[in-house]
Protein backbone atom coordinates (compact mmCIF):
# COMPACT_ATOMS: atom_id res chain seq x y z
CA UNK A 1 142.54 -85.30 -311.64
CA UNK A 2 145.40 -83.18 -312.89
CA UNK A 3 148.97 -84.49 -312.49
CA UNK A 4 150.93 -81.31 -311.86
CA UNK A 5 152.68 -82.94 -308.91
CA UNK A 6 154.65 -85.11 -311.32
CA UNK A 7 155.93 -82.02 -313.15
CA UNK A 8 157.30 -80.90 -309.78
CA UNK A 9 159.12 -84.24 -309.58
CA UNK A 10 160.57 -83.60 -313.05
CA UNK A 11 161.94 -80.25 -311.87
CA UNK A 12 163.38 -81.83 -308.72
CA UNK A 13 164.93 -84.62 -310.81
CA UNK A 14 166.64 -82.14 -313.15
CA UNK A 15 167.90 -80.02 -310.23
CA UNK A 16 169.34 -83.09 -308.48
CA UNK A 17 170.94 -84.26 -311.74
CA UNK A 18 172.65 -80.88 -312.17
CA UNK A 19 173.59 -80.91 -308.49
CA UNK A 20 175.50 -84.17 -308.84
CA UNK A 21 177.04 -83.26 -312.17
CA UNK A 22 178.51 -80.15 -310.54
CA UNK A 23 180.01 -82.33 -307.80
CA UNK A 24 181.37 -84.83 -310.32
CA UNK A 25 183.31 -82.36 -312.49
CA UNK A 26 186.23 -82.35 -310.06
CA UNK A 27 186.32 -86.12 -309.51
CA UNK A 28 186.32 -86.73 -313.27
CA UNK A 29 189.02 -84.18 -314.10
CA UNK A 30 191.44 -84.02 -311.17
CA UNK A 31 193.43 -87.19 -311.79
CA UNK A 32 194.00 -86.71 -315.50
CA UNK A 33 193.79 -82.96 -316.12
CA UNK A 34 194.19 -80.97 -312.89
CA UNK A 35 196.69 -82.94 -310.78
CA UNK A 36 199.51 -82.70 -313.39
CA UNK A 37 199.15 -78.90 -313.47
CA UNK A 38 199.17 -78.44 -309.70
CA UNK A 39 201.24 -81.47 -308.55
CA UNK A 40 198.43 -82.87 -306.40
CA UNK A 41 198.63 -86.13 -304.45
CA UNK A 42 195.75 -88.37 -303.37
CA UNK A 43 195.99 -86.70 -299.97
CA UNK A 44 195.52 -83.24 -301.56
CA UNK A 45 192.41 -84.43 -303.36
CA UNK A 46 191.17 -86.14 -300.19
CA UNK A 47 191.57 -82.85 -298.33
CA UNK A 48 189.53 -80.96 -300.93
CA UNK A 49 186.69 -83.49 -300.95
CA UNK A 50 186.75 -83.72 -297.15
CA UNK A 51 186.61 -79.96 -296.61
CA UNK A 52 183.78 -79.74 -299.17
CA UNK A 53 181.95 -82.30 -297.05
CA UNK A 54 182.46 -80.42 -293.78
CA UNK A 55 181.34 -77.12 -295.33
CA UNK A 56 178.34 -78.97 -296.71
CA UNK A 57 177.64 -80.42 -293.27
CA UNK A 58 177.73 -77.06 -291.49
CA UNK A 59 175.65 -75.39 -294.20
CA UNK A 60 173.07 -78.22 -294.07
CA UNK A 61 172.36 -77.45 -290.42
CA UNK A 62 171.12 -74.00 -291.42
CA UNK A 63 169.99 -74.64 -295.01
CA UNK A 64 166.91 -76.59 -293.95
CA UNK A 65 165.83 -73.91 -291.50
CA UNK A 66 166.53 -71.27 -294.18
CA UNK A 67 164.27 -73.07 -296.68
CA UNK A 68 161.51 -73.45 -294.07
CA UNK A 69 161.82 -69.74 -293.23
CA UNK A 70 162.24 -68.40 -296.77
CA UNK A 71 159.71 -70.77 -298.33
CA UNK A 72 160.26 -73.50 -300.88
CA UNK A 73 160.24 -71.30 -303.96
CA UNK A 74 162.68 -68.60 -302.86
CA UNK A 75 164.80 -71.00 -300.81
CA UNK A 76 165.41 -73.28 -303.80
CA UNK A 77 166.27 -70.33 -306.05
CA UNK A 78 168.86 -69.06 -303.59
CA UNK A 79 170.37 -72.53 -303.23
CA UNK A 80 170.82 -73.33 -306.92
CA UNK A 81 171.96 -69.79 -307.73
CA UNK A 82 174.76 -69.96 -305.15
CA UNK A 83 175.93 -73.44 -306.09
CA UNK A 84 175.94 -72.65 -309.82
CA UNK A 85 178.11 -69.61 -309.14
CA UNK A 86 180.45 -71.74 -307.01
CA UNK A 87 180.68 -74.38 -309.73
CA UNK A 88 181.70 -71.81 -312.34
CA UNK A 89 184.22 -70.24 -309.93
CA UNK A 90 186.40 -73.38 -310.09
CA UNK A 91 187.45 -72.32 -313.57
CA UNK A 92 189.38 -69.35 -312.15
CA UNK A 93 191.58 -71.44 -309.83
CA UNK A 94 194.22 -72.27 -312.44
CA UNK A 95 194.57 -68.67 -313.60
CA UNK A 96 194.76 -67.41 -310.01
CA UNK A 97 197.36 -70.03 -309.00
CA UNK A 98 199.52 -69.12 -311.97
CA UNK A 99 199.55 -65.41 -311.13
CA UNK A 100 199.93 -65.82 -307.36
CA UNK A 101 203.00 -68.02 -307.88
CA UNK A 102 204.42 -65.75 -310.59
CA UNK A 103 204.34 -68.11 -313.60
CA UNK A 104 203.67 -66.98 -317.15
CA UNK A 105 201.73 -70.05 -318.24
CA UNK A 106 200.13 -73.30 -317.09
CA UNK A 107 202.81 -75.21 -318.98
CA UNK A 108 205.48 -73.53 -316.86
CA UNK A 109 203.76 -74.76 -313.68
CA UNK A 110 203.49 -78.29 -315.06
CA UNK A 111 207.19 -78.28 -315.93
CA UNK A 112 208.21 -77.70 -312.29
CA UNK A 113 209.97 -80.75 -310.87
CA UNK A 114 207.77 -82.81 -308.59
CA UNK A 115 208.71 -82.83 -304.92
CA UNK A 116 210.47 -79.44 -304.99
CA UNK A 117 209.53 -76.40 -302.91
CA UNK A 118 208.16 -74.76 -306.04
CA UNK A 119 205.87 -77.73 -306.70
CA UNK A 120 204.72 -77.68 -303.08
CA UNK A 121 203.94 -73.95 -303.34
CA UNK A 122 201.88 -74.52 -306.49
CA UNK A 123 199.91 -77.40 -304.94
CA UNK A 124 199.30 -75.49 -301.69
CA UNK A 125 197.99 -72.34 -303.38
CA UNK A 126 195.81 -74.30 -305.81
CA UNK A 127 194.34 -76.44 -303.03
CA UNK A 128 193.35 -73.34 -301.06
CA UNK A 129 191.74 -71.78 -304.11
CA UNK A 130 189.79 -74.93 -304.91
CA UNK A 131 188.73 -75.12 -301.28
CA UNK A 132 187.25 -71.63 -301.56
CA UNK A 133 185.30 -72.54 -304.69
CA UNK A 134 184.16 -75.83 -303.12
CA UNK A 135 182.97 -73.96 -300.03
CA UNK A 136 180.64 -71.80 -302.13
CA UNK A 137 179.47 -74.89 -304.03
CA UNK A 138 178.80 -76.72 -300.75
CA UNK A 139 176.88 -73.81 -299.27
CA UNK A 140 174.51 -73.73 -302.25
CA UNK A 141 174.19 -77.48 -302.72
CA UNK A 142 173.23 -77.91 -299.07
CA UNK A 143 169.83 -76.43 -299.92
CA UNK A 144 168.93 -78.93 -302.65
CA UNK A 145 167.64 -81.85 -300.61
CA UNK A 146 165.87 -79.84 -297.88
CA UNK A 147 163.98 -77.92 -300.59
CA UNK A 148 163.30 -81.04 -302.67
CA UNK A 149 162.05 -83.11 -299.71
CA UNK A 150 159.87 -80.19 -298.62
CA UNK A 151 158.40 -80.02 -302.12
CA UNK A 152 157.49 -83.72 -302.09
CA UNK A 153 155.91 -83.30 -298.64
CA UNK A 154 153.81 -80.45 -300.08
CA UNK A 155 152.77 -82.27 -303.27
CA UNK A 156 152.39 -85.95 -302.26
CA UNK A 157 150.54 -87.99 -299.61
CA UNK A 158 152.73 -90.10 -297.34
CA UNK A 159 152.18 -93.36 -299.22
CA UNK A 160 153.58 -91.82 -302.44
CA UNK A 161 156.47 -89.78 -301.05
CA UNK A 162 159.14 -92.48 -301.14
CA UNK A 163 158.31 -93.25 -304.78
CA UNK A 164 158.39 -89.56 -305.72
CA UNK A 165 161.62 -89.15 -303.77
CA UNK A 166 163.18 -92.18 -305.46
CA UNK A 167 162.42 -90.64 -308.86
CA UNK A 168 163.97 -87.24 -308.18
CA UNK A 169 166.73 -88.85 -306.09
CA UNK A 170 167.58 -90.93 -309.17
CA UNK A 171 168.88 -87.63 -310.52
CA UNK A 172 171.93 -88.26 -308.34
CA UNK A 173 172.56 -91.49 -310.23
CA UNK A 174 171.69 -90.00 -313.62
CA UNK A 175 173.98 -87.05 -312.94
CA UNK A 176 176.76 -89.47 -312.06
CA UNK A 177 175.82 -91.47 -315.17
CA UNK A 178 175.80 -88.57 -317.63
CA UNK A 179 178.88 -86.93 -316.13
CA UNK A 180 181.51 -89.47 -317.30
CA UNK A 181 180.08 -89.42 -320.82
CA UNK A 182 180.22 -85.63 -321.08
CA UNK A 183 182.72 -84.08 -318.68
CA UNK A 184 186.02 -85.82 -319.65
CA UNK A 185 185.43 -85.25 -323.40
CA UNK A 186 184.48 -81.64 -322.66
CA UNK A 187 187.63 -81.19 -320.57
CA UNK A 188 189.78 -82.77 -323.30
CA UNK A 189 188.20 -80.60 -325.98
CA UNK A 190 187.85 -77.18 -324.30
CA UNK A 191 189.96 -77.58 -321.16
CA UNK A 192 188.95 -78.56 -317.63
CA UNK A 193 188.03 -74.95 -316.84
CA UNK A 194 185.21 -74.90 -319.41
CA UNK A 195 183.87 -78.19 -318.05
CA UNK A 196 183.14 -76.39 -314.77
CA UNK A 197 181.62 -73.38 -316.55
CA UNK A 198 179.35 -75.31 -318.92
CA UNK A 199 178.00 -77.68 -316.28
CA UNK A 200 177.66 -74.89 -313.72
CA UNK A 201 175.63 -72.74 -316.11
CA UNK A 202 172.89 -75.40 -316.32
CA UNK A 203 171.70 -74.38 -312.85
CA UNK A 204 170.98 -70.82 -313.97
CA UNK A 205 168.83 -72.20 -316.79
CA UNK A 206 166.84 -74.35 -314.33
CA UNK A 207 166.03 -71.31 -312.20
CA UNK A 208 163.89 -69.86 -315.00
CA UNK A 209 161.67 -72.95 -315.12
CA UNK A 210 161.29 -73.02 -311.34
CA UNK A 211 160.13 -69.39 -311.18
CA UNK A 212 157.27 -69.98 -313.61
CA UNK A 213 156.26 -73.54 -312.70
CA UNK A 214 156.35 -73.83 -308.90
CA UNK A 215 153.71 -72.71 -306.43
CA UNK A 216 152.16 -74.40 -303.41
CA UNK A 217 149.50 -76.88 -304.59
CA UNK A 218 146.63 -74.97 -302.97
CA UNK A 219 147.74 -71.81 -304.82
CA UNK A 220 148.73 -73.38 -308.13
CA UNK A 221 146.50 -72.76 -311.14
CA UNK A 222 147.65 -76.10 -312.55
CA UNK A 223 146.30 -78.19 -309.63
CA UNK A 224 142.56 -78.87 -309.71
CA UNK A 225 140.32 -79.78 -306.76
CA UNK A 226 140.63 -83.54 -307.33
CA UNK A 227 144.42 -83.49 -307.31
CA UNK A 228 144.49 -81.22 -304.26
CA UNK A 229 142.17 -83.62 -302.42
CA UNK A 230 144.48 -86.51 -303.32
CA UNK A 231 147.56 -84.60 -302.14
CA UNK A 232 145.99 -83.68 -298.80
CA UNK A 233 144.52 -87.12 -298.04
CA UNK A 234 145.15 -88.44 -294.55
CA UNK A 235 147.40 -91.54 -294.42
CA UNK A 236 147.10 -91.97 -290.65
CA UNK A 237 143.84 -93.46 -289.44
CA UNK A 238 144.54 -92.30 -285.89
CA UNK A 239 145.28 -88.72 -286.94
CA UNK A 240 142.46 -86.17 -287.29
CA UNK A 241 141.77 -84.82 -290.76
CA UNK A 242 142.28 -81.26 -289.51
CA UNK A 243 145.94 -82.03 -288.81
CA UNK A 244 147.05 -81.54 -292.42
CA UNK A 245 146.49 -77.75 -292.63
CA UNK A 246 148.11 -77.32 -289.20
CA UNK A 247 151.29 -78.95 -290.52
CA UNK A 248 151.84 -75.96 -292.78
CA UNK A 249 152.13 -73.50 -289.88
CA UNK A 250 153.44 -75.46 -286.87
CA UNK A 251 156.91 -74.16 -285.97
CA UNK A 252 159.58 -76.26 -284.24
CA UNK A 253 162.63 -74.29 -283.00
CA UNK A 254 165.96 -75.62 -284.27
CA UNK A 255 167.23 -76.47 -280.79
CA UNK A 256 164.06 -78.40 -279.94
CA UNK A 257 164.51 -80.66 -282.96
CA UNK A 258 167.46 -82.27 -281.18
CA UNK A 259 165.25 -83.33 -278.25
CA UNK A 260 163.33 -85.87 -280.36
CA UNK A 261 164.45 -89.49 -280.80
CA UNK A 262 162.99 -89.32 -284.33
CA UNK A 263 165.54 -86.63 -285.21
CA UNK A 264 168.40 -88.75 -283.90
CA UNK A 265 167.08 -91.74 -285.82
CA UNK A 266 167.31 -89.74 -289.06
CA UNK A 267 170.74 -88.41 -288.03
CA UNK A 268 171.98 -91.99 -287.51
CA UNK A 269 170.61 -93.11 -290.88
CA UNK A 270 172.44 -90.28 -292.65
CA UNK A 271 175.67 -90.40 -290.65
CA UNK A 272 176.39 -94.08 -291.21
CA UNK A 273 175.52 -94.12 -294.92
CA UNK A 274 175.98 -90.77 -296.69
CA UNK A 275 179.76 -90.97 -296.59
CA UNK A 276 179.60 -94.31 -298.40
CA UNK A 277 177.77 -92.80 -301.37
CA UNK A 278 180.13 -89.84 -301.52
CA UNK A 279 183.11 -92.18 -301.40
CA UNK A 280 181.82 -94.01 -304.48
CA UNK A 281 181.01 -90.70 -306.15
CA UNK A 282 184.37 -89.04 -305.52
CA UNK A 283 186.74 -92.01 -305.78
CA UNK A 284 185.28 -94.40 -308.38
CA UNK A 285 186.99 -92.69 -311.38
CA UNK A 286 190.33 -92.67 -309.55
CA UNK A 287 189.83 -96.32 -308.55
CA UNK A 288 189.47 -97.49 -312.15
CA UNK A 289 192.53 -95.49 -313.16
CA UNK A 290 194.69 -96.56 -310.19
CA UNK A 291 193.78 -100.25 -310.22
CA UNK A 292 193.18 -100.93 -313.89
CA UNK A 293 194.79 -98.03 -315.78
CA UNK A 294 191.56 -96.75 -317.38
CA UNK A 295 191.49 -92.95 -317.42
CA UNK A 296 188.12 -91.20 -317.12
CA UNK A 297 188.50 -89.79 -320.64
CA UNK A 298 189.18 -93.19 -322.21
CA UNK A 299 186.38 -95.16 -323.84
CA UNK A 300 186.63 -98.04 -321.38
CA UNK A 301 186.94 -95.68 -318.42
CA UNK A 302 183.75 -93.87 -319.41
CA UNK A 303 181.85 -97.11 -320.01
CA UNK A 304 182.87 -98.52 -316.62
CA UNK A 305 181.46 -95.48 -314.80
CA UNK A 306 178.36 -95.40 -317.02
CA UNK A 307 177.72 -99.10 -316.34
CA UNK A 308 178.09 -98.58 -312.61
CA UNK A 309 175.57 -95.73 -312.45
CA UNK A 310 173.18 -97.29 -314.97
CA UNK A 311 172.76 -100.16 -312.50
CA UNK A 312 172.27 -97.68 -309.68
CA UNK A 313 169.64 -95.70 -311.60
CA UNK A 314 167.46 -98.61 -312.70
CA UNK A 315 167.35 -100.49 -309.41
CA UNK A 316 167.10 -97.47 -307.11
CA UNK A 317 163.78 -96.24 -308.59
CA UNK A 318 162.15 -99.53 -307.63
CA UNK A 319 163.41 -98.94 -304.10
CA UNK A 320 161.00 -96.06 -303.68
CA UNK A 321 158.11 -98.05 -305.16
CA UNK A 322 158.52 -101.00 -302.79
CA UNK A 323 156.95 -99.32 -299.71
CA UNK A 324 154.02 -98.22 -301.90
CA UNK A 325 153.42 -101.90 -302.67
CA UNK A 326 153.63 -102.77 -298.97
CA UNK A 327 151.06 -100.08 -298.14
CA UNK A 328 148.58 -100.74 -300.95
CA UNK A 329 148.84 -104.55 -301.23
CA UNK A 330 149.87 -105.62 -297.72
CA UNK A 331 147.98 -102.93 -295.82
CA UNK A 332 151.05 -101.75 -293.92
CA UNK A 333 151.39 -98.34 -292.32
CA UNK A 334 153.63 -96.14 -294.56
CA UNK A 335 156.38 -95.90 -291.93
CA UNK A 336 156.41 -99.65 -291.21
CA UNK A 337 156.53 -100.43 -294.94
CA UNK A 338 159.35 -97.95 -295.37
CA UNK A 339 161.45 -99.48 -292.59
CA UNK A 340 160.95 -102.97 -294.05
CA UNK A 341 162.07 -101.72 -297.47
CA UNK A 342 165.12 -100.07 -295.88
CA UNK A 343 166.07 -103.34 -294.18
CA UNK A 344 165.91 -105.16 -297.51
CA UNK A 345 168.09 -102.58 -299.24
CA UNK A 346 170.55 -102.44 -296.31
CA UNK A 347 171.89 -105.79 -297.53
CA UNK A 348 172.65 -104.60 -301.08
CA UNK A 349 175.84 -102.70 -300.09
CA UNK A 350 177.35 -106.00 -298.92
CA UNK A 351 178.11 -106.64 -302.60
CA UNK A 352 180.99 -104.15 -302.20
CA UNK A 353 182.91 -106.85 -300.32
CA UNK A 354 183.45 -108.60 -303.65
CA UNK A 355 184.68 -105.57 -305.63
CA UNK A 356 188.38 -106.01 -304.96
CA UNK A 357 188.52 -109.85 -305.13
CA UNK A 358 186.59 -109.94 -308.42
CA UNK A 359 188.72 -107.09 -309.77
CA UNK A 360 191.54 -109.63 -310.20
CA UNK A 361 189.59 -111.06 -313.15
CA UNK A 362 188.24 -107.91 -314.82
CA UNK A 363 187.48 -104.24 -314.12
CA UNK A 364 183.87 -104.88 -315.15
CA UNK A 365 183.15 -106.95 -312.03
CA UNK A 366 183.89 -104.09 -309.62
CA UNK A 367 181.77 -101.77 -311.80
CA UNK A 368 178.84 -104.18 -311.50
CA UNK A 369 179.09 -104.94 -307.77
CA UNK A 370 179.73 -101.29 -306.82
CA UNK A 371 176.71 -100.44 -308.97
CA UNK A 372 174.59 -102.90 -306.94
CA UNK A 373 175.93 -101.45 -303.69
CA UNK A 374 175.21 -97.92 -304.92
CA UNK A 375 171.69 -98.93 -305.97
CA UNK A 376 171.12 -100.16 -302.42
CA UNK A 377 172.22 -96.77 -301.11
CA UNK A 378 169.93 -94.78 -303.38
CA UNK A 379 166.92 -97.00 -302.61
CA UNK A 380 167.75 -96.71 -298.91
CA UNK A 381 168.18 -92.95 -299.20
CA UNK A 382 164.81 -92.37 -300.90
CA UNK A 383 163.03 -94.16 -298.06
CA UNK A 384 165.17 -92.55 -295.37
CA UNK A 385 164.30 -89.06 -296.61
CA UNK A 386 160.62 -89.97 -296.59
CA UNK A 387 160.70 -90.95 -292.90
CA UNK A 388 161.05 -87.23 -292.12
CA UNK A 389 157.66 -86.47 -293.69
CA UNK A 390 156.21 -89.47 -291.86
CA UNK A 391 157.16 -88.22 -288.41
CA UNK A 392 157.38 -84.41 -288.61
CA UNK A 393 154.99 -81.63 -289.69
CA UNK A 394 155.54 -80.21 -293.18
CA UNK A 395 156.74 -76.90 -291.76
CA UNK A 396 159.72 -78.70 -290.15
CA UNK A 397 160.59 -81.14 -292.97
CA UNK A 398 163.39 -79.03 -294.49
CA UNK A 399 164.86 -78.28 -291.06
CA UNK A 400 165.08 -81.97 -290.07
CA UNK A 401 166.40 -82.86 -293.53
CA UNK A 402 169.12 -80.26 -293.09
CA UNK A 403 170.10 -81.60 -289.67
CA UNK A 404 170.42 -85.11 -291.08
CA UNK A 405 172.34 -83.75 -294.06
CA UNK A 406 174.79 -82.17 -291.64
CA UNK A 407 175.44 -85.60 -290.11
CA UNK A 408 175.89 -87.05 -293.60
CA UNK A 409 178.35 -84.31 -294.48
CA UNK A 410 180.41 -85.01 -291.36
CA UNK A 411 180.60 -88.70 -292.25
CA UNK A 412 181.61 -87.77 -295.80
CA UNK A 413 184.38 -85.56 -294.42
CA UNK A 414 185.67 -88.44 -292.33
CA UNK A 415 185.52 -91.07 -295.04
CA UNK A 416 186.97 -88.94 -297.86
CA UNK A 417 189.81 -87.46 -295.83
CA UNK A 418 190.51 -90.88 -294.34
CA UNK A 419 190.50 -92.48 -297.79
CA UNK A 420 192.95 -89.92 -299.17
CA UNK A 421 195.39 -90.44 -296.29
CA UNK A 422 194.97 -94.22 -296.43
CA UNK A 423 195.58 -94.43 -300.19
CA UNK A 424 198.68 -92.23 -300.05
CA UNK A 425 200.08 -94.19 -297.10
CA UNK A 426 199.31 -97.63 -298.56
CA UNK A 427 200.76 -96.70 -301.95
CA UNK A 428 204.00 -95.51 -300.34
CA UNK A 429 204.17 -98.56 -298.06
CA UNK A 430 203.73 -101.00 -300.95
CA UNK A 431 204.06 -104.69 -300.05
CA UNK A 432 204.66 -103.78 -296.39
CA UNK A 433 200.96 -102.85 -296.08
CA UNK A 434 198.58 -105.81 -296.32
CA UNK A 435 194.89 -106.54 -295.67
CA UNK A 436 192.94 -109.73 -296.45
CA UNK A 437 195.54 -110.88 -298.95
CA UNK A 438 195.93 -107.55 -300.78
CA UNK A 439 199.02 -105.35 -300.73
CA UNK A 440 199.69 -101.63 -301.01
CA UNK A 441 196.98 -99.44 -302.45
CA UNK A 442 194.83 -102.47 -303.30
CA UNK A 443 194.73 -103.24 -299.58
CA UNK A 444 193.65 -99.65 -298.93
CA UNK A 445 190.72 -99.99 -301.31
CA UNK A 446 189.74 -103.32 -299.73
CA UNK A 447 189.57 -101.67 -296.31
CA UNK A 448 187.28 -98.94 -297.65
CA UNK A 449 184.98 -101.42 -299.40
CA UNK A 450 184.60 -103.40 -296.16
CA UNK A 451 183.62 -100.28 -294.23
CA UNK A 452 181.12 -99.26 -296.91
CA UNK A 453 179.56 -102.74 -297.01
CA UNK A 454 178.47 -103.02 -293.37
CA UNK A 455 177.41 -99.40 -292.79
CA UNK A 456 173.74 -99.84 -293.72
CA UNK A 457 172.92 -102.81 -291.52
CA UNK A 458 174.45 -100.88 -288.60
CA UNK A 459 172.46 -97.76 -289.50
CA UNK A 460 169.14 -99.62 -289.70
CA UNK A 461 169.76 -101.30 -286.34
CA UNK A 462 170.50 -97.97 -284.63
CA UNK A 463 167.39 -96.37 -286.18
CA UNK A 464 165.21 -99.25 -284.99
CA UNK A 465 166.58 -98.98 -281.46
CA UNK A 466 165.90 -95.23 -281.36
CA UNK A 467 162.40 -95.44 -282.88
CA UNK A 468 161.12 -99.01 -282.45
CA UNK A 469 157.66 -98.09 -283.77
CA UNK A 470 155.99 -95.18 -285.51
CA UNK A 471 155.29 -92.06 -283.45
CA UNK A 472 154.52 -88.75 -285.11
CA UNK A 473 155.68 -85.45 -283.63
CA UNK A 474 152.47 -83.60 -282.76
């Protein structure tokens, strides 16, 4: 048997890594490099991340259908091409803000007194420009997961999909892991603008590999008969063998997708949990600087973020392998094994409850417990994505993934905008704002960690109520 399917996973892993590095450039540069130039507050940054999320959510609704219509190969190329262009476009925001406001240099903008009308004008213009660049980035990035999940559905039998998904989905953790070790030094050395350009350009390089390496397994010269037979094997004993080819052509209209409880189960799983991951992704660097004084470009600041995502990366890959063990060693149905694995990993995010209390002793404790919570999310996410392939035909996988991604984007909008407003308010309120023994901004972070901790148990319960047992959409 050939193993070309694993080379597809490598490509998906690299694309997802680049995807998350492009998202991370802003979170790793705004507090130290960008905010001083444009006089941003936490609320300004919260607005930018929130609007990115809502654009991502709206685009996800159509991105999945676009990938199903365009095909995996062309759909993925369009997605990564657009998001790479959007990532590079961030570099122009400083130059444009300077000229729109009539300043001769960036230094002149930085020298403006904070709180004045001039400072407000600079921040307002820059926020709008960054919003435009983030909108393009969001539109392109919305196609990554629908195309990647569709690829795994094409190249793997059901029992292996969660494991394959956990590997490429680990690119999210690796991207977040590599980013703090590369982006702040790059921004300090060449300027924050070049950090966006260099990281954004990686996507254009990936496109060349995708053009020459990807094809559907039945058309690929790299996939022999034995591997194709393995890929197309039937995991459902009660499903006729002829069903597999039909999955490639069966069309489900977008509106009809919303009539299935299985769709709403996936929507619930994404809505309650995606915002949690994006909160960690967008706010962790600011958290370590606000609470402990470690800037993202400092040695300790970089190591804290690297430690956090190293934990996420290592543990999350096992999360996709767990249902495979349940299927092969316990004889479970793939969907039942997946739901059991998701229940187990739904308890990992509860570690976030200890982040703020343990932070009184050392910044390393929050890095560790947030890493465990994040690992739970990534393991959960790999299995959640695979439930789509369990219950829907391959021709509808990207569409359903996009619908769920829309729900995740909406939750990210809510949690990131809410966090920005909460942190600004709690910081200004100081000792007058308290929660569970914490004051001011520390209390704000404690509130957010509590919300993030319980989200997954709630999500699993709602999914189980909607789809109590496996039922495939015929």
